[in-house]
């Protein structure tokens, strides 16, 4: 079941994931009417030397990751990741799990 919920960004970091240090990228958490959800590393890239990517594929994934960050910052009308805290969002959940989000540009 797909569910869309309104909320705010309540956690934002750019770096490696604590439990998966080979995953590097944007990590987000959202609060929504008394509940919350994390992005589950959706906006991170596997940087492990054991991940034997073709060089072009690795570069493409890194570029796509940074393009996503740039779009999020642009939609939120901010320059820094830290400025995303508190921004209004619509979070899409599928069977209770994070699927995607969007900045509510219409209310900024």
N, C-alpha and C. Protein backbone atom coordinates (compact mmCIF):
# COMPACT_ATOMS: atom_id res chain seq x y z
N UNK A 1 0.84 -1.18 0.00
CA UNK A 1 0.00 0.00 0.00
C UNK A 1 0.89 1.25 0.00
N UNK A 2 0.59 2.16 -0.89
CA UNK A 2 1.31 3.44 -0.97
C UNK A 2 0.59 4.47 -0.11
N UNK A 3 1.37 5.18 0.70
CA UNK A 3 0.81 6.21 1.59
C UNK A 3 1.69 7.45 1.49
N UNK A 4 1.06 8.61 1.36
CA UNK A 4 1.80 9.88 1.35
C UNK A 4 1.47 10.62 2.64
N UNK A 5 2.54 11.09 3.33
CA UNK A 5 2.34 11.78 4.60
C UNK A 5 3.12 13.08 4.61
N UNK A 6 2.55 14.09 5.24
CA UNK A 6 3.23 15.38 5.40
C UNK A 6 4.09 15.35 6.64
N UNK A 7 5.23 16.02 6.57
CA UNK A 7 6.12 16.07 7.72
C UNK A 7 7.22 17.08 7.51
N UNK A 8 8.28 16.90 8.29
CA UNK A 8 9.44 17.79 8.21
C UNK A 8 10.71 16.96 8.29
N UNK A 9 11.77 17.50 7.72
CA UNK A 9 13.08 16.86 7.85
C UNK A 9 13.56 17.11 9.28
N UNK A 10 13.86 16.05 10.02
CA UNK A 10 14.34 16.22 11.39
C UNK A 10 15.75 15.67 11.60
N UNK A 11 16.34 15.10 10.55
CA UNK A 11 17.72 14.60 10.62
C UNK A 11 18.31 14.74 9.23
N UNK A 12 19.52 15.30 9.17
CA UNK A 12 20.20 15.42 7.88
C UNK A 12 21.70 15.40 8.11
N UNK A 13 22.37 14.52 7.40
CA UNK A 13 23.83 14.41 7.46
C UNK A 13 24.34 14.04 6.08
N UNK A 14 25.57 14.44 5.79
CA UNK A 14 26.26 13.98 4.59
C UNK A 14 27.55 13.36 5.05
N UNK A 15 27.73 12.09 4.75
CA UNK A 15 28.93 11.39 5.17
C UNK A 15 28.73 9.90 5.03
N UNK A 16 29.52 9.13 5.78
CA UNK A 16 29.38 7.68 5.70
C UNK A 16 28.39 7.21 6.76
N UNK A 17 27.70 6.13 6.44
CA UNK A 17 26.71 5.57 7.37
C UNK A 17 27.44 4.88 8.52
N UNK A 18 26.94 5.07 9.72
CA UNK A 18 27.58 4.53 10.91
C UNK A 18 27.78 3.02 10.84
N UNK A 19 26.73 2.29 10.51
CA UNK A 19 26.82 0.83 10.47
C UNK A 19 27.34 0.28 9.15
N UNK A 20 27.39 1.13 8.14
CA UNK A 20 27.86 0.72 6.81
C UNK A 20 28.82 1.78 6.29
N UNK A 21 30.05 1.84 6.82
CA UNK A 21 30.96 2.94 6.51
C UNK A 21 31.37 3.03 5.04
N UNK A 22 31.10 2.01 4.27
CA UNK A 22 31.40 2.05 2.84
C UNK A 22 30.32 2.79 2.05
N UNK A 23 29.18 3.10 2.70
CA UNK A 23 28.11 3.85 2.05
C UNK A 23 28.32 5.34 2.35
N UNK A 24 28.45 6.15 1.32
CA UNK A 24 28.71 7.58 1.48
C UNK A 24 27.63 8.38 0.77
N UNK A 25 27.11 9.40 1.45
CA UNK A 25 26.12 10.26 0.81
C UNK A 25 25.23 10.96 1.80
N UNK A 26 24.08 11.38 1.31
CA UNK A 26 23.09 12.11 2.10
C UNK A 26 22.22 11.12 2.87
N UNK A 27 22.03 11.41 4.15
CA UNK A 27 21.15 10.60 5.00
C UNK A 27 20.11 11.52 5.61
N UNK A 28 18.84 11.12 5.52
CA UNK A 28 17.74 11.96 5.95
C UNK A 28 16.80 11.21 6.89
N UNK A 29 16.20 11.96 7.82
CA UNK A 29 15.15 11.44 8.68
C UNK A 29 13.98 12.41 8.64
N UNK A 30 12.78 11.88 8.83
CA UNK A 30 11.57 12.68 8.71
C UNK A 30 10.66 12.43 9.90
N UNK A 31 10.04 13.50 10.42
CA UNK A 31 9.02 13.36 11.45
C UNK A 31 7.68 13.68 10.80
N UNK A 32 6.67 12.86 11.16
CA UNK A 32 5.35 12.99 10.55
C UNK A 32 4.29 12.69 11.59
N UNK A 33 3.64 13.69 12.12
CA UNK A 33 2.51 13.53 13.04
C UNK A 33 2.74 12.46 14.10
N UNK A 34 3.81 12.57 14.86
CA UNK A 34 4.06 11.65 15.95
C UNK A 34 4.82 10.39 15.57
N UNK A 35 5.11 10.21 14.31
CA UNK A 35 5.92 9.06 13.90
C UNK A 35 7.10 9.57 13.08
N UNK A 36 7.99 8.69 12.73
CA UNK A 36 9.15 9.10 11.96
C UNK A 36 9.68 7.96 11.12
N UNK A 37 10.52 8.31 10.16
CA UNK A 37 11.13 7.33 9.29
C UNK A 37 12.47 7.88 8.80
N UNK A 38 13.42 6.98 8.58
CA UNK A 38 14.71 7.34 7.99
C UNK A 38 14.71 6.87 6.54
N UNK A 39 15.62 7.42 5.75
CA UNK A 39 15.65 7.07 4.33
C UNK A 39 16.31 5.73 4.04
N UNK A 40 16.91 5.09 5.02
CA UNK A 40 17.50 3.77 4.82
C UNK A 40 18.71 3.75 3.90
N UNK A 41 19.37 4.89 3.77
CA UNK A 41 20.57 4.94 2.92
C UNK A 41 20.27 5.06 1.44
N UNK A 42 19.04 5.42 1.10
CA UNK A 42 18.65 5.52 -0.32
C UNK A 42 19.52 6.50 -1.10
N UNK A 43 20.00 7.53 -0.45
CA UNK A 43 20.75 8.58 -1.14
C UNK A 43 22.25 8.46 -0.90
N UNK A 44 22.72 7.22 -0.70
CA UNK A 44 24.15 6.97 -0.53
C UNK A 44 24.66 6.10 -1.67
N UNK A 45 25.99 6.07 -1.81
CA UNK A 45 26.65 5.30 -2.87
C UNK A 45 27.68 4.39 -2.22
N UNK A 46 27.78 3.16 -2.70
CA UNK A 46 28.76 2.20 -2.20
C UNK A 46 30.15 2.61 -2.67
N UNK A 47 31.02 2.98 -1.73
CA UNK A 47 32.38 3.44 -2.04
C UNK A 47 33.43 2.38 -1.71
N UNK A 48 33.00 1.18 -1.37
CA UNK A 48 33.93 0.12 -0.97
C UNK A 48 34.87 -0.26 -2.11
N UNK A 49 36.16 -0.43 -1.78
CA UNK A 49 37.08 -0.92 -2.82
C UNK A 49 36.74 -2.34 -3.26
N UNK A 50 35.95 -3.05 -2.44
CA UNK A 50 35.52 -4.40 -2.80
C UNK A 50 34.35 -4.40 -3.78
N UNK A 51 33.77 -3.24 -4.00
CA UNK A 51 32.70 -3.11 -4.98
C UNK A 51 33.36 -2.88 -6.34
N UNK A 52 33.42 -3.90 -7.14
CA UNK A 52 34.18 -3.85 -8.39
C UNK A 52 33.33 -3.29 -9.53
N UNK A 53 33.09 -1.98 -9.46
CA UNK A 53 32.33 -1.30 -10.49
C UNK A 53 33.23 -1.01 -11.68
N UNK A 54 32.62 -0.94 -12.83
CA UNK A 54 33.35 -0.38 -13.96
C UNK A 54 33.50 1.10 -13.67
N UNK A 55 34.62 1.69 -14.05
CA UNK A 55 34.91 3.08 -13.68
C UNK A 55 33.81 4.04 -14.15
N UNK A 56 33.27 3.83 -15.33
CA UNK A 56 32.20 4.70 -15.82
C UNK A 56 30.94 4.60 -14.99
N UNK A 57 30.60 3.39 -14.55
CA UNK A 57 29.41 3.18 -13.72
C UNK A 57 29.58 3.87 -12.37
N UNK A 58 30.74 3.75 -11.78
CA UNK A 58 31.02 4.39 -10.49
C UNK A 58 30.87 5.90 -10.62
N UNK A 59 31.47 6.48 -11.64
CA UNK A 59 31.39 7.93 -11.84
C UNK A 59 29.95 8.37 -12.10
N UNK A 60 29.22 7.59 -12.86
CA UNK A 60 27.81 7.92 -13.13
C UNK A 60 27.00 7.92 -11.84
N UNK A 61 27.19 6.91 -11.00
CA UNK A 61 26.45 6.84 -9.74
C UNK A 61 26.81 7.99 -8.80
N UNK A 62 28.09 8.35 -8.75
CA UNK A 62 28.50 9.49 -7.91
C UNK A 62 27.89 10.78 -8.44
N UNK A 63 27.92 10.98 -9.75
CA UNK A 63 27.35 12.19 -10.34
C UNK A 63 25.84 12.25 -10.09
N UNK A 64 25.14 11.13 -10.25
CA UNK A 64 23.70 11.10 -10.00
C UNK A 64 23.39 11.42 -8.54
N UNK A 65 24.21 10.93 -7.63
CA UNK A 65 24.02 11.20 -6.21
C UNK A 65 24.15 12.69 -5.92
N UNK A 66 25.18 13.31 -6.47
CA UNK A 66 25.37 14.75 -6.26
C UNK A 66 24.29 15.57 -6.96
N UNK A 67 23.83 15.11 -8.12
CA UNK A 67 22.72 15.79 -8.80
C UNK A 67 21.47 15.77 -7.93
N UNK A 68 21.20 14.63 -7.25
CA UNK A 68 20.04 14.54 -6.35
C UNK A 68 20.18 15.52 -5.19
N UNK A 69 21.38 15.60 -4.62
CA UNK A 69 21.61 16.54 -3.51
C UNK A 69 21.39 17.97 -4.00
N UNK A 70 21.91 18.30 -5.17
CA UNK A 70 21.74 19.66 -5.72
C UNK A 70 20.26 19.98 -5.93
N UNK A 71 19.48 19.02 -6.43
CA UNK A 71 18.05 19.26 -6.64
C UNK A 71 17.33 19.47 -5.31
N UNK A 72 17.66 18.66 -4.32
CA UNK A 72 17.04 18.81 -3.00
C UNK A 72 17.34 20.20 -2.43
N UNK A 73 18.60 20.62 -2.50
CA UNK A 73 18.99 21.94 -1.99
C UNK A 73 18.27 23.04 -2.76
N UNK A 74 18.20 22.91 -4.08
CA UNK A 74 17.54 23.91 -4.91
C UNK A 74 16.04 23.98 -4.59
N UNK A 75 15.38 22.83 -4.49
CA UNK A 75 13.96 22.81 -4.16
C UNK A 75 13.68 23.45 -2.80
N UNK A 76 14.60 23.24 -1.85
CA UNK A 76 14.43 23.79 -0.50
C UNK A 76 14.88 25.24 -0.40
N UNK A 77 15.48 25.75 -1.48
CA UNK A 77 15.98 27.14 -1.53
C UNK A 77 17.03 27.39 -0.45
N UNK A 78 17.97 26.44 -0.32
CA UNK A 78 19.06 26.57 0.64
C UNK A 78 20.38 26.24 -0.04
N UNK A 79 21.47 26.57 0.63
CA UNK A 79 22.80 26.31 0.10
C UNK A 79 23.52 25.18 0.81
N UNK A 80 23.14 24.90 2.04
CA UNK A 80 23.86 23.93 2.86
C UNK A 80 22.93 22.82 3.34
N UNK A 81 23.47 21.63 3.46
CA UNK A 81 22.72 20.47 3.94
C UNK A 81 22.07 20.78 5.29
N UNK A 82 22.80 21.44 6.18
CA UNK A 82 22.28 21.72 7.53
C UNK A 82 21.01 22.58 7.48
N UNK A 83 20.84 23.36 6.42
CA UNK A 83 19.67 24.22 6.30
C UNK A 83 18.40 23.44 5.91
N UNK A 84 18.53 22.16 5.64
CA UNK A 84 17.36 21.35 5.32
C UNK A 84 16.52 21.00 6.54
N UNK A 85 17.12 21.08 7.73
CA UNK A 85 16.39 20.76 8.97
C UNK A 85 15.12 21.61 9.07
N UNK A 86 14.02 20.95 9.34
CA UNK A 86 12.75 21.65 9.52
C UNK A 86 12.00 21.95 8.24
N UNK A 87 12.57 21.66 7.09
CA UNK A 87 11.88 21.94 5.82
C UNK A 87 10.69 21.00 5.67
N UNK A 88 9.56 21.53 5.17
CA UNK A 88 8.36 20.71 5.00
C UNK A 88 8.50 19.76 3.82
N UNK A 89 8.01 18.54 4.01
CA UNK A 89 8.14 17.50 2.99
C UNK A 89 6.86 16.68 2.87
N UNK A 90 6.75 16.01 1.75
CA UNK A 90 5.76 14.96 1.57
C UNK A 90 6.56 13.67 1.43
N UNK A 91 6.32 12.73 2.33
CA UNK A 91 7.05 11.46 2.35
C UNK A 91 6.13 10.37 1.80
N UNK A 92 6.66 9.59 0.89
CA UNK A 92 5.92 8.45 0.34
C UNK A 92 6.43 7.18 1.01
N UNK A 93 5.49 6.43 1.59
CA UNK A 93 5.79 5.15 2.22
C UNK A 93 5.13 4.04 1.40
N UNK A 94 5.82 2.94 1.27
CA UNK A 94 5.25 1.77 0.61
C UNK A 94 5.30 0.62 1.61
N UNK A 95 4.13 0.15 1.99
CA UNK A 95 4.02 -0.89 3.03
C UNK A 95 4.76 -0.48 4.30
N UNK A 96 4.63 0.80 4.66
CA UNK A 96 5.24 1.33 5.88
C UNK A 96 6.71 1.65 5.79
N UNK A 97 7.33 1.41 4.63
CA UNK A 97 8.77 1.65 4.45
C UNK A 97 8.98 2.89 3.58
N UNK A 98 10.06 3.64 3.88
CA UNK A 98 10.39 4.82 3.09
C UNK A 98 10.58 4.46 1.63
N UNK A 99 9.96 5.25 0.76
CA UNK A 99 10.16 5.07 -0.68
C UNK A 99 10.83 6.30 -1.28
N UNK A 100 10.26 7.50 -1.00
CA UNK A 100 10.82 8.74 -1.53
C UNK A 100 10.22 9.92 -0.77
N UNK A 101 10.72 11.09 -1.09
CA UNK A 101 10.17 12.30 -0.50
C UNK A 101 10.30 13.44 -1.50
N UNK A 102 9.58 14.49 -1.22
CA UNK A 102 9.77 15.72 -1.98
C UNK A 102 9.64 16.89 -1.04
N UNK A 103 10.41 17.93 -1.33
CA UNK A 103 10.29 19.18 -0.59
C UNK A 103 8.99 19.84 -1.02
N UNK A 104 8.22 20.35 -0.08
CA UNK A 104 6.97 21.04 -0.42
C UNK A 104 7.29 22.46 -0.89
N UNK A 105 7.71 22.57 -2.13
CA UNK A 105 8.13 23.87 -2.69
C UNK A 105 6.99 24.87 -2.69
N UNK A 106 5.76 24.40 -2.74
CA UNK A 106 4.61 25.31 -2.81
C UNK A 106 4.36 26.06 -1.51
N UNK A 107 4.97 25.63 -0.41
CA UNK A 107 4.76 26.34 0.86
C UNK A 107 6.02 27.07 1.34
N UNK A 108 7.08 27.02 0.56
CA UNK A 108 8.31 27.73 0.96
C UNK A 108 8.24 29.19 0.56
